[in-house]
């Protein structure tokens, strides 16, 4: 009889690894990302997530205390890489070049992620205190966009609010099935389209 695989000392798996991820935590996030975006947050239990990974429910709680903790981690993953990229941009480089690089990186992140996690932004649950850190991080990224746009058109220009919103529009496009997120050519075309739209607005 085949023995269960293990996730670490004293934490046997029910089955061999079957999710994307280099460790159980990443596998849990992958399974939750799929279930939250296809079945809804309220309609997904931690038991269902554990079963999708092939873990015992008790093992899931070793990595995340609550279902809200899993959602918070997923949401943070949609913002942190782009913010890190933005902060690494050369502040002395031309603002239009920085905007182009930022938009291109951010759109690529949103359209190539395995699950359309941006769709979770509108969950009523995200308005709660538990997700204050995520909301603050998202607003900070919005402000980075606005600051760069302000260097191009003036900080009092209302167009400074548009680039961030245009980038996030790809979340709805993906939800509606209007972009080929699994096709490299389709992803590149969407990215080029959003970059072009942002630069046209900021002329």
N, C-alpha and C. Protein backbone atom coordinates (compact mmCIF):
# COMPACT_ATOMS: atom_id res chain seq x y z
N UNK A 1 0.85 -1.19 0.00
CA UNK A 1 0.00 0.00 0.00
C UNK A 1 0.89 1.25 0.00
N UNK A 2 0.59 2.20 -0.88
CA UNK A 2 1.42 3.40 -0.99
C UNK A 2 1.23 4.29 0.22
N UNK A 3 2.34 4.72 0.78
CA UNK A 3 2.30 5.62 1.93
C UNK A 3 2.09 7.06 1.45
N UNK A 4 1.39 7.89 2.25
CA UNK A 4 1.21 9.29 1.84
C UNK A 4 2.54 10.02 1.76
N UNK A 5 2.62 10.98 0.83
CA UNK A 5 3.80 11.84 0.78
C UNK A 5 3.80 12.72 2.01
N UNK A 6 4.93 13.40 2.24
CA UNK A 6 5.02 14.24 3.44
C UNK A 6 5.25 15.68 3.08
N UNK A 7 4.76 16.58 3.94
CA UNK A 7 4.99 18.01 3.77
C UNK A 7 6.03 18.51 4.75
N UNK A 8 6.51 17.63 5.59
CA UNK A 8 7.47 18.02 6.60
C UNK A 8 7.35 17.07 7.77
N UNK A 9 8.19 17.18 8.75
CA UNK A 9 8.16 16.29 9.89
C UNK A 9 6.79 16.27 10.55
N UNK A 10 6.21 15.07 10.64
CA UNK A 10 4.95 14.92 11.36
C UNK A 10 3.74 15.43 10.61
N UNK A 11 3.89 15.81 9.34
CA UNK A 11 2.74 16.36 8.59
C UNK A 11 2.59 15.61 7.27
N UNK A 12 2.11 14.37 7.32
CA UNK A 12 1.98 13.60 6.08
C UNK A 12 0.90 14.16 5.17
N UNK A 13 1.15 14.08 3.89
CA UNK A 13 0.17 14.49 2.89
C UNK A 13 -0.79 13.34 2.65
N UNK A 14 -1.96 13.68 2.15
CA UNK A 14 -2.92 12.65 1.76
C UNK A 14 -2.53 12.05 0.42
N UNK A 15 -1.97 12.88 -0.47
CA UNK A 15 -1.60 12.43 -1.81
C UNK A 15 -0.29 13.11 -2.20
N UNK A 16 0.29 12.65 -3.30
CA UNK A 16 1.47 13.31 -3.83
C UNK A 16 1.10 14.71 -4.32
N UNK A 17 2.11 15.57 -4.46
CA UNK A 17 1.87 16.96 -4.88
C UNK A 17 1.09 17.00 -6.19
N UNK A 18 0.05 17.84 -6.23
CA UNK A 18 -0.73 17.98 -7.45
C UNK A 18 -1.08 19.43 -7.76
N UNK A 19 -0.51 20.39 -7.04
CA UNK A 19 -0.74 21.81 -7.32
C UNK A 19 0.57 22.46 -7.71
N UNK A 20 0.46 23.64 -8.33
CA UNK A 20 1.64 24.44 -8.65
C UNK A 20 2.19 25.03 -7.36
N UNK A 21 3.50 24.98 -7.20
CA UNK A 21 4.12 25.57 -6.02
C UNK A 21 5.29 24.76 -5.54
N UNK A 22 6.25 25.45 -4.96
CA UNK A 22 7.44 24.78 -4.48
C UNK A 22 7.34 24.27 -3.06
N UNK A 23 6.24 24.60 -2.39
CA UNK A 23 6.05 24.16 -1.01
C UNK A 23 4.54 24.17 -0.71
N UNK A 24 4.13 23.58 0.40
CA UNK A 24 2.70 23.50 0.71
C UNK A 24 2.01 24.85 0.77
N UNK A 25 2.68 25.88 1.28
CA UNK A 25 2.05 27.19 1.35
C UNK A 25 1.68 27.71 -0.04
N UNK A 26 2.61 27.57 -0.98
CA UNK A 26 2.35 28.02 -2.34
C UNK A 26 1.25 27.19 -3.00
N UNK A 27 1.21 25.90 -2.68
CA UNK A 27 0.15 25.04 -3.22
C UNK A 27 -1.21 25.44 -2.68
N UNK A 28 -1.26 25.79 -1.41
CA UNK A 28 -2.51 26.24 -0.80
C UNK A 28 -2.99 27.52 -1.49
N UNK A 29 -2.08 28.44 -1.73
CA UNK A 29 -2.45 29.69 -2.40
C UNK A 29 -2.93 29.43 -3.82
N UNK A 30 -2.29 28.50 -4.51
CA UNK A 30 -2.73 28.18 -5.87
C UNK A 30 -4.14 27.60 -5.86
N UNK A 31 -4.40 26.66 -4.97
CA UNK A 31 -5.72 26.06 -4.89
C UNK A 31 -6.77 27.09 -4.49
N UNK A 32 -6.44 27.92 -3.51
CA UNK A 32 -7.38 28.95 -3.07
C UNK A 32 -7.64 29.96 -4.17
N UNK A 33 -6.60 30.32 -4.92
CA UNK A 33 -6.79 31.25 -6.03
C UNK A 33 -7.78 30.72 -7.04
N UNK A 34 -7.68 29.44 -7.34
CA UNK A 34 -8.63 28.84 -8.28
C UNK A 34 -10.04 28.82 -7.69
N UNK A 35 -10.17 28.34 -6.47
CA UNK A 35 -11.50 28.19 -5.87
C UNK A 35 -12.17 29.53 -5.60
N UNK A 36 -11.41 30.49 -5.10
CA UNK A 36 -12.00 31.81 -4.82
C UNK A 36 -12.49 32.49 -6.10
N UNK A 37 -11.76 32.31 -7.19
CA UNK A 37 -12.13 32.99 -8.43
C UNK A 37 -13.16 32.22 -9.26
N UNK A 38 -13.39 30.96 -8.93
CA UNK A 38 -14.37 30.19 -9.68
C UNK A 38 -15.62 29.86 -8.88
N UNK A 39 -15.47 29.68 -7.56
CA UNK A 39 -16.60 29.31 -6.72
C UNK A 39 -16.99 30.41 -5.73
N UNK A 40 -16.17 31.45 -5.66
CA UNK A 40 -16.44 32.54 -4.73
C UNK A 40 -15.75 32.32 -3.40
N UNK A 41 -15.49 33.42 -2.71
CA UNK A 41 -14.82 33.33 -1.41
C UNK A 41 -15.75 32.70 -0.37
N UNK A 42 -16.97 33.19 -0.30
CA UNK A 42 -17.91 32.67 0.70
C UNK A 42 -18.24 31.21 0.43
N UNK A 43 -18.24 30.81 -0.83
CA UNK A 43 -18.60 29.45 -1.18
C UNK A 43 -17.47 28.45 -1.09
N UNK A 44 -16.30 28.89 -0.65
CA UNK A 44 -15.13 28.01 -0.55
C UNK A 44 -14.76 27.81 0.91
N UNK A 45 -14.66 26.59 1.33
CA UNK A 45 -14.26 26.28 2.70
C UNK A 45 -12.78 25.94 2.75
N UNK A 46 -12.22 26.04 3.94
CA UNK A 46 -10.81 25.63 4.09
C UNK A 46 -10.68 24.13 3.85
N UNK A 47 -11.71 23.38 4.14
CA UNK A 47 -11.67 21.94 3.86
C UNK A 47 -11.54 21.70 2.35
N UNK A 48 -12.30 22.47 1.56
CA UNK A 48 -12.22 22.32 0.10
C UNK A 48 -10.83 22.67 -0.41
N UNK A 49 -10.24 23.72 0.16
CA UNK A 49 -8.88 24.11 -0.25
C UNK A 49 -7.90 23.01 0.09
N UNK A 50 -7.99 22.49 1.30
CA UNK A 50 -7.09 21.42 1.73
C UNK A 50 -7.23 20.20 0.82
N UNK A 51 -8.47 19.84 0.50
CA UNK A 51 -8.70 18.68 -0.36
C UNK A 51 -8.14 18.91 -1.76
N UNK A 52 -8.24 20.15 -2.26
CA UNK A 52 -7.71 20.45 -3.59
C UNK A 52 -6.19 20.32 -3.63
N UNK A 53 -5.56 20.55 -2.49
CA UNK A 53 -4.10 20.43 -2.41
C UNK A 53 -3.68 19.00 -2.12
N UNK A 54 -4.56 18.27 -1.42
CA UNK A 54 -4.20 16.93 -0.98
C UNK A 54 -3.59 16.94 0.40
N UNK A 55 -3.98 17.95 1.20
CA UNK A 55 -3.51 18.07 2.57
C UNK A 55 -4.65 17.79 3.55
N UNK A 56 -4.30 17.42 4.74
CA UNK A 56 -5.27 17.38 5.80
C UNK A 56 -5.60 18.82 6.20
N UNK A 57 -6.82 19.06 6.63
CA UNK A 57 -7.23 20.42 6.98
C UNK A 57 -6.35 20.96 8.10
N UNK A 58 -5.95 20.11 9.04
CA UNK A 58 -5.09 20.56 10.13
C UNK A 58 -3.75 21.06 9.61
N UNK A 59 -3.25 20.45 8.53
CA UNK A 59 -1.98 20.88 7.94
C UNK A 59 -2.12 22.25 7.30
N UNK A 60 -3.29 22.54 6.72
CA UNK A 60 -3.53 23.86 6.14
C UNK A 60 -3.42 24.93 7.23
N UNK A 61 -3.97 24.65 8.39
CA UNK A 61 -3.93 25.63 9.47
C UNK A 61 -2.53 25.82 10.03
N UNK A 62 -1.63 24.92 9.70
CA UNK A 62 -0.23 25.13 10.08
C UNK A 62 0.37 26.29 9.31
N UNK A 63 -0.16 26.54 8.10
CA UNK A 63 0.37 27.60 7.24
C UNK A 63 -0.47 28.87 7.27
N UNK A 64 -1.77 28.75 7.46
CA UNK A 64 -2.69 29.90 7.50
C UNK A 64 -3.70 29.70 8.62
N UNK A 65 -3.84 30.72 9.45
CA UNK A 65 -4.75 30.59 10.58
C UNK A 65 -6.21 30.59 10.19
N UNK A 66 -6.56 31.35 9.14
CA UNK A 66 -7.96 31.47 8.73
C UNK A 66 -8.04 31.56 7.20
N UNK A 67 -9.25 31.42 6.70
CA UNK A 67 -9.48 31.60 5.25
C UNK A 67 -9.18 33.03 4.85
N UNK A 68 -9.45 33.98 5.74
CA UNK A 68 -9.16 35.40 5.46
C UNK A 68 -7.66 35.61 5.30
N UNK A 69 -6.85 34.88 6.06
CA UNK A 69 -5.39 35.00 5.93
C UNK A 69 -4.94 34.55 4.55
N UNK A 70 -5.58 33.53 4.02
CA UNK A 70 -5.24 33.05 2.68
C UNK A 70 -5.59 34.11 1.64
N UNK A 71 -6.78 34.69 1.77
CA UNK A 71 -7.20 35.74 0.84
C UNK A 71 -6.27 36.94 0.92
N UNK A 72 -5.88 37.33 2.12
CA UNK A 72 -4.99 38.48 2.28
C UNK A 72 -3.65 38.23 1.59
N UNK A 73 -3.13 37.01 1.70
CA UNK A 73 -1.87 36.68 1.05
C UNK A 73 -2.00 36.73 -0.47
N UNK A 74 -3.11 36.22 -0.99
CA UNK A 74 -3.34 36.26 -2.44
C UNK A 74 -3.43 37.70 -2.95
N UNK A 75 -4.17 38.52 -2.23
CA UNK A 75 -4.33 39.92 -2.65
C UNK A 75 -2.99 40.65 -2.62
N UNK A 76 -2.21 40.39 -1.59
CA UNK A 76 -0.92 41.07 -1.49
C UNK A 76 -0.02 40.70 -2.66
N UNK A 77 -0.15 39.47 -3.14
CA UNK A 77 0.66 39.02 -4.27
C UNK A 77 0.35 39.79 -5.55
N UNK A 78 -0.82 40.40 -5.63
CA UNK A 78 -1.19 41.15 -6.83
C UNK A 78 -0.59 42.56 -6.83
N UNK A 79 -0.11 43.00 -5.69
CA UNK A 79 0.40 44.37 -5.55
C UNK A 79 1.90 44.43 -5.31
N UNK A 80 2.39 43.58 -4.44
CA UNK A 80 3.79 43.68 -3.99
C UNK A 80 4.82 43.62 -5.11
N UNK A 81 4.72 42.67 -6.07
CA UNK A 81 5.75 42.65 -7.13
C UNK A 81 5.80 43.94 -7.94
N UNK A 82 4.62 44.51 -8.24
CA UNK A 82 4.59 45.74 -9.03
C UNK A 82 5.13 46.92 -8.23
N UNK A 83 4.81 46.98 -6.94
CA UNK A 83 5.34 48.06 -6.12
C UNK A 83 6.86 47.95 -6.01
N UNK A 84 7.37 46.74 -5.84
CA UNK A 84 8.83 46.55 -5.79
C UNK A 84 9.47 47.01 -7.09
N UNK A 85 8.82 46.68 -8.21
CA UNK A 85 9.34 47.10 -9.52
C UNK A 85 9.33 48.62 -9.63
N UNK A 86 8.23 49.23 -9.21
CA UNK A 86 8.10 50.69 -9.31
C UNK A 86 9.16 51.40 -8.48
N UNK A 87 9.41 50.90 -7.29
CA UNK A 87 10.39 51.53 -6.41
C UNK A 87 11.81 51.37 -6.93
N UNK A 88 12.01 50.37 -7.78
CA UNK A 88 13.35 50.14 -8.33
C UNK A 88 13.61 50.94 -9.60
N UNK A 89 12.59 51.62 -10.13
CA UNK A 89 12.78 52.43 -11.33
C UNK A 89 13.72 53.60 -11.04
N UNK A 90 14.52 53.94 -12.01
CA UNK A 90 15.46 55.06 -11.86
C UNK A 90 14.68 56.38 -11.83
N UNK A 91 14.70 57.10 -10.70
CA UNK A 91 13.94 58.34 -10.61
C UNK A 91 14.43 59.43 -11.56
N UNK A 92 15.65 59.26 -12.06
CA UNK A 92 16.20 60.26 -12.98
C UNK A 92 15.86 59.96 -14.44
N UNK A 93 15.28 58.79 -14.69
CA UNK A 93 14.90 58.44 -16.06
C UNK A 93 13.69 59.26 -16.49
N UNK A 94 13.48 59.37 -17.80
CA UNK A 94 12.34 60.10 -18.33
C UNK A 94 11.04 59.53 -17.78
N UNK A 95 10.13 60.41 -17.38
CA UNK A 95 8.88 59.96 -16.75
C UNK A 95 8.05 59.09 -17.68
N UNK A 96 8.04 59.42 -18.96
CA UNK A 96 7.26 58.61 -19.91
C UNK A 96 7.85 57.21 -20.04
N UNK A 97 9.17 57.11 -19.98
CA UNK A 97 9.81 55.80 -20.03
C UNK A 97 9.48 55.00 -18.78
N UNK A 98 9.50 55.67 -17.63
CA UNK A 98 9.16 54.98 -16.38
C UNK A 98 7.71 54.51 -16.39
N UNK A 99 6.81 55.38 -16.90
CA UNK A 99 5.41 54.99 -16.98
C UNK A 99 5.24 53.79 -17.90
N UNK A 100 5.91 53.83 -19.04
CA UNK A 100 5.82 52.71 -19.98
C UNK A 100 6.28 51.41 -19.33
N UNK A 101 7.41 51.46 -18.65
CA UNK A 101 7.95 50.26 -18.01
C UNK A 101 7.01 49.75 -16.91
N UNK A 102 6.45 50.68 -16.14
CA UNK A 102 5.57 50.29 -15.04
C UNK A 102 4.28 49.67 -15.56
N UNK A 103 3.67 50.31 -16.53
CA UNK A 103 2.42 49.78 -17.10
C UNK A 103 2.67 48.41 -17.73
N UNK A 104 3.75 48.29 -18.46
CA UNK A 104 4.05 47.02 -19.12
C UNK A 104 4.24 45.91 -18.10
N UNK A 105 4.97 46.20 -17.05
CA UNK A 105 5.20 45.17 -16.01
C UNK A 105 3.89 44.81 -15.31
N UNK A 106 3.11 45.80 -14.94
CA UNK A 106 1.89 45.58 -14.16
C UNK A 106 0.85 44.81 -14.98
N UNK A 107 0.64 45.23 -16.21
CA UNK A 107 -0.34 44.52 -17.06
C UNK A 107 0.10 43.08 -17.26
N UNK A 108 1.39 42.88 -17.49
CA UNK A 108 1.88 41.52 -17.69
C UNK A 108 1.61 40.66 -16.46
N UNK A 109 1.80 41.24 -15.28
CA UNK A 109 1.51 40.50 -14.05
C UNK A 109 0.04 40.10 -13.97
N UNK A 110 -0.83 41.02 -14.34
CA UNK A 110 -2.27 40.78 -14.21
C UNK A 110 -2.79 39.78 -15.23
N UNK A 111 -2.23 39.79 -16.43
CA UNK A 111 -2.77 38.89 -17.46
C UNK A 111 -2.09 37.53 -17.49
N UNK A 112 -0.92 37.40 -16.89
CA UNK A 112 -0.24 36.11 -16.92
C UNK A 112 -0.38 35.32 -15.63
N UNK A 113 -0.93 35.92 -14.59
CA UNK A 113 -1.12 35.18 -13.35
C UNK A 113 -2.02 33.97 -13.61
N UNK A 114 -1.78 32.91 -12.92
CA UNK A 114 -2.51 31.66 -13.15
C UNK A 114 -4.01 31.84 -12.95
N UNK A 115 -4.39 32.64 -11.97
CA UNK A 115 -5.81 32.92 -11.69
C UNK A 115 -6.02 34.43 -11.71
N UNK A 116 -7.22 34.84 -12.06
CA UNK A 116 -7.52 36.28 -12.18
C UNK A 116 -7.81 36.86 -10.79
N UNK A 117 -6.76 36.99 -10.00
CA UNK A 117 -6.91 37.38 -8.60
C UNK A 117 -7.42 38.80 -8.43
N UNK A 118 -7.19 39.65 -9.42
CA UNK A 118 -7.69 41.01 -9.32
C UNK A 118 -9.20 41.07 -9.18
N UNK A 119 -9.90 40.04 -9.66
CA UNK A 119 -11.35 40.00 -9.54
C UNK A 119 -11.80 39.94 -8.08
N UNK A 120 -10.87 39.56 -7.20
CA UNK A 120 -11.20 39.46 -5.78
C UNK A 120 -11.22 40.83 -5.10
N UNK A 121 -10.74 41.87 -5.79
CA UNK A 121 -10.72 43.21 -5.20
C UNK A 121 -12.12 43.67 -4.80
N UNK A 122 -13.13 43.22 -5.52
CA UNK A 122 -14.48 43.72 -5.30
C UNK A 122 -15.27 42.94 -4.26
N UNK A 123 -14.64 41.94 -3.67
CA UNK A 123 -15.33 41.18 -2.63
C UNK A 123 -15.71 42.09 -1.46
N UNK A 124 -16.94 42.00 -0.96
CA UNK A 124 -17.32 42.80 0.21
C UNK A 124 -16.39 42.56 1.39
N UNK A 125 -15.89 41.35 1.50
CA UNK A 125 -15.02 41.00 2.63
C UNK A 125 -13.75 41.86 2.66
N UNK A 126 -13.29 42.30 1.49
CA UNK A 126 -12.04 43.04 1.40
C UNK A 126 -12.16 44.43 2.02
N UNK A 127 -13.39 44.86 2.28
CA UNK A 127 -13.57 46.16 2.94
C UNK A 127 -13.31 46.10 4.44
N UNK A 128 -13.17 44.91 4.98
CA UNK A 128 -12.99 44.74 6.42
C UNK A 128 -11.61 45.13 6.91
N UNK A 129 -11.49 45.24 8.22
CA UNK A 129 -10.23 45.66 8.85
C UNK A 129 -9.10 44.69 8.56
N UNK A 130 -9.41 43.42 8.40
CA UNK A 130 -8.38 42.41 8.16
C UNK A 130 -7.57 42.73 6.90
N UNK A 131 -8.18 43.44 5.96
CA UNK A 131 -7.54 43.69 4.66
C UNK A 131 -7.05 45.12 4.51
N UNK A 132 -6.90 45.81 5.64
CA UNK A 132 -6.44 47.19 5.61
C UNK A 132 -5.04 47.30 4.99
N UNK A 133 -4.17 46.35 5.31
CA UNK A 133 -2.81 46.39 4.76
C UNK A 133 -2.84 46.29 3.24
N UNK A 134 -3.68 45.40 2.72
CA UNK A 134 -3.77 45.28 1.27
C UNK A 134 -4.32 46.56 0.65
N UNK A 135 -5.38 47.10 1.23
CA UNK A 135 -5.97 48.32 0.66
C UNK A 135 -4.96 49.46 0.67
N UNK A 136 -4.19 49.55 1.73
CA UNK A 136 -3.17 50.61 1.82
C UNK A 136 -2.09 50.41 0.76
N UNK A 137 -1.70 49.16 0.55
CA UNK A 137 -0.66 48.87 -0.45
C UNK A 137 -1.17 49.19 -1.85
N UNK A 138 -2.42 48.89 -2.12
CA UNK A 138 -2.99 49.18 -3.44
C UNK A 138 -3.09 50.68 -3.67
N UNK A 139 -3.48 51.42 -2.64
CA UNK A 139 -3.55 52.87 -2.77
C UNK A 139 -2.16 53.48 -2.94
N UNK A 140 -1.17 52.88 -2.28
CA UNK A 140 0.20 53.37 -2.44
C UNK A 140 0.68 53.17 -3.87
N UNK A 141 0.32 52.04 -4.47
CA UNK A 141 0.68 51.81 -5.87
C UNK A 141 -0.05 52.80 -6.77
N UNK A 142 -1.30 53.06 -6.48
CA UNK A 142 -2.06 54.07 -7.24
C UNK A 142 -1.36 55.42 -7.18
N UNK A 143 -0.86 55.77 -6.01
CA UNK A 143 -0.19 57.06 -5.85
C UNK A 143 1.13 57.13 -6.63
N UNK A 144 1.81 55.99 -6.75
CA UNK A 144 3.03 55.96 -7.55
C UNK A 144 2.70 56.25 -9.01
N UNK A 145 1.64 55.61 -9.50
CA UNK A 145 1.20 55.89 -10.88
C UNK A 145 0.90 57.38 -11.04
N UNK A 146 0.14 57.93 -10.10
CA UNK A 146 -0.27 59.33 -10.19
C UNK A 146 0.93 60.27 -10.15
N UNK A 147 1.93 59.92 -9.34
CA UNK A 147 3.11 60.77 -9.22
C UNK A 147 3.89 60.81 -10.53
N UNK A 148 4.06 59.65 -11.15
CA UNK A 148 4.78 59.62 -12.42
C UNK A 148 3.97 60.34 -13.50
N UNK A 149 2.67 60.11 -13.53
CA UNK A 149 1.82 60.81 -14.50
C UNK A 149 1.88 62.31 -14.29
N UNK A 150 1.97 62.73 -13.01
CA UNK A 150 2.04 64.15 -12.70
C UNK A 150 3.29 64.81 -13.23
N UNK A 151 4.37 64.05 -13.31
CA UNK A 151 5.60 64.59 -13.89
C UNK A 151 5.42 64.88 -15.38
N UNK A 152 4.48 64.17 -16.01
CA UNK A 152 4.27 64.32 -17.45
C UNK A 152 3.28 65.43 -17.76
N UNK A 153 2.15 65.45 -17.04
CA UNK A 153 1.07 66.39 -17.38
C UNK A 153 0.81 67.45 -16.32
N UNK A 154 1.52 67.37 -15.19
CA UNK A 154 1.27 68.29 -14.08
C UNK A 154 0.47 67.59 -13.00
N UNK A 155 0.86 67.80 -11.77
CA UNK A 155 0.26 67.05 -10.67
C UNK A 155 -1.19 67.41 -10.39
N UNK A 156 -1.64 68.55 -10.87
CA UNK A 156 -3.04 68.93 -10.66
C UNK A 156 -3.95 68.49 -11.80
N UNK A 157 -3.38 67.85 -12.79
CA UNK A 157 -4.15 67.42 -13.95
C UNK A 157 -4.96 66.16 -13.59
N UNK A 158 -6.26 66.13 -13.85
CA UNK A 158 -7.09 64.97 -13.49
C UNK A 158 -6.69 63.70 -14.23
N UNK A 159 -5.92 63.83 -15.31
CA UNK A 159 -5.49 62.64 -16.05
C UNK A 159 -4.53 61.78 -15.25
N UNK A 160 -3.98 62.33 -14.17
CA UNK A 160 -3.03 61.53 -13.37
C UNK A 160 -3.70 60.30 -12.76
N UNK A 161 -5.02 60.30 -12.62
CA UNK A 161 -5.73 59.17 -12.03
C UNK A 161 -6.02 58.06 -13.03
N UNK A 162 -5.82 58.34 -14.32
CA UNK A 162 -6.28 57.42 -15.35
C UNK A 162 -5.37 56.20 -15.56
N UNK A 163 -4.05 56.33 -15.58
CA UNK A 163 -3.22 55.15 -15.89
C UNK A 163 -3.47 53.96 -14.98
N UNK A 164 -3.58 54.19 -13.68
CA UNK A 164 -3.81 53.09 -12.74
C UNK A 164 -5.12 52.37 -13.08
N UNK A 165 -6.16 53.16 -13.38
CA UNK A 165 -7.47 52.57 -13.69
C UNK A 165 -7.44 51.82 -15.01
N UNK A 166 -6.71 52.34 -15.98
CA UNK A 166 -6.60 51.65 -17.26
C UNK A 166 -5.90 50.30 -17.09
N UNK A 167 -4.86 50.28 -16.30
CA UNK A 167 -4.16 49.03 -16.06
C UNK A 167 -5.10 48.01 -15.42
N UNK A 168 -5.85 48.44 -14.42
CA UNK A 168 -6.74 47.50 -13.73
C UNK A 168 -7.93 47.08 -14.59
N UNK A 169 -8.15 47.78 -15.71
CA UNK A 169 -9.25 47.37 -16.59
C UNK A 169 -9.02 45.99 -17.19
N UNK A 170 -7.77 45.54 -17.23
CA UNK A 170 -7.52 44.22 -17.80
C UNK A 170 -8.08 43.12 -16.92
N UNK A 171 -8.33 43.43 -15.64
CA UNK A 171 -8.95 42.44 -14.75
C UNK A 171 -10.35 42.12 -15.25
N UNK A 172 -11.12 43.16 -15.59
CA UNK A 172 -12.47 42.96 -16.11
C UNK A 172 -12.43 42.30 -17.48
N UNK A 173 -11.48 42.69 -18.33
CA UNK A 173 -11.35 42.06 -19.64
C UNK A 173 -11.10 40.56 -19.50
N UNK A 174 -10.27 40.22 -18.54
CA UNK A 174 -9.97 38.80 -18.32
C UNK A 174 -11.20 38.08 -17.77
N UNK A 175 -11.91 38.71 -16.86
CA UNK A 175 -13.13 38.10 -16.30
C UNK A 175 -14.16 37.85 -17.38
N UNK A 176 -14.24 38.76 -18.34
CA UNK A 176 -15.23 38.65 -19.41
C UNK A 176 -14.77 37.76 -20.56
N UNK A 177 -13.57 37.21 -20.42
CA UNK A 177 -13.05 36.34 -21.48
C UNK A 177 -12.65 37.07 -22.74
N UNK A 178 -12.33 38.35 -22.60
CA UNK A 178 -12.04 39.16 -23.78
C UNK A 178 -10.55 39.29 -24.07
N UNK A 179 -9.73 38.54 -23.37
CA UNK A 179 -8.31 38.52 -23.73
C UNK A 179 -7.78 37.11 -23.56
N UNK A 180 -6.86 36.77 -24.44
CA UNK A 180 -6.29 35.42 -24.40
C UNK A 180 -5.14 35.35 -23.42
N UNK A 181 -5.47 35.19 -22.14
CA UNK A 181 -4.44 35.18 -21.10
C UNK A 181 -3.48 34.01 -21.24
N UNK A 182 -3.89 32.98 -21.97
CA UNK A 182 -3.03 31.81 -22.10
C UNK A 182 -2.23 31.82 -23.40
N UNK A 183 -2.39 32.88 -24.19
CA UNK A 183 -1.67 32.97 -25.45
C UNK A 183 -0.69 34.14 -25.39
N UNK A 184 0.57 33.84 -25.64
CA UNK A 184 1.60 34.88 -25.54
C UNK A 184 1.30 36.06 -26.44
N UNK A 185 0.85 35.78 -27.66
CA UNK A 185 0.56 36.87 -28.60
C UNK A 185 -0.59 37.73 -28.09
N UNK A 186 -1.61 37.09 -27.51
CA UNK A 186 -2.74 37.83 -26.97
C UNK A 186 -2.35 38.68 -25.79
N UNK A 187 -1.50 38.15 -24.93
CA UNK A 187 -1.04 38.91 -23.77
C UNK A 187 -0.23 40.12 -24.21
N UNK A 188 0.67 39.92 -25.17
CA UNK A 188 1.51 41.01 -25.65
C UNK A 188 0.66 42.10 -26.29
N UNK A 189 -0.37 41.68 -27.02
CA UNK A 189 -1.24 42.66 -27.69
C UNK A 189 -1.99 43.51 -26.67
N UNK A 190 -2.47 42.88 -25.61
CA UNK A 190 -3.18 43.62 -24.56
C UNK A 190 -2.24 44.59 -23.87
N UNK A 191 -1.04 44.12 -23.57
CA UNK A 191 -0.07 44.98 -22.91
C UNK A 191 0.25 46.19 -23.77
N UNK A 192 0.52 45.97 -25.04
CA UNK A 192 0.83 47.07 -25.96
C UNK A 192 -0.35 48.05 -26.05
N UNK A 193 -1.55 47.52 -26.07
CA UNK A 193 -2.75 48.35 -26.16
C UNK A 193 -2.88 49.27 -24.96
N UNK A 194 -2.67 48.73 -23.76
CA UNK A 194 -2.81 49.54 -22.54
C UNK A 194 -1.69 50.57 -22.46
N UNK A 195 -0.47 50.18 -22.79
CA UNK A 195 0.64 51.13 -22.79
C UNK A 195 0.34 52.28 -23.73
N UNK A 196 -0.11 51.97 -24.94
CA UNK A 196 -0.41 53.00 -25.92
C UNK A 196 -1.53 53.92 -25.43
N UNK A 197 -2.56 53.34 -24.82
CA UNK A 197 -3.68 54.14 -24.33
C UNK A 197 -3.23 55.10 -23.23
N UNK A 198 -2.40 54.61 -22.32
CA UNK A 198 -1.91 55.46 -21.23
C UNK A 198 -1.08 56.61 -21.78
N UNK A 199 -0.18 56.32 -22.70
CA UNK A 199 0.68 57.39 -23.24
C UNK A 199 -0.11 58.39 -24.07
N UNK A 200 -1.13 57.94 -24.76
CA UNK A 200 -1.97 58.87 -25.53
C UNK A 200 -2.71 59.83 -24.58
N UNK A 201 -3.22 59.29 -23.49
CA UNK A 201 -3.96 60.13 -22.54
C UNK A 201 -3.05 61.15 -21.88
N UNK A 202 -1.80 60.77 -21.69
CA UNK A 202 -0.86 61.67 -21.00
C UNK A 202 -0.10 62.60 -21.95
N UNK A 203 -0.51 62.68 -23.20
CA UNK A 203 0.14 63.61 -24.12
C UNK A 203 -0.13 65.04 -23.70
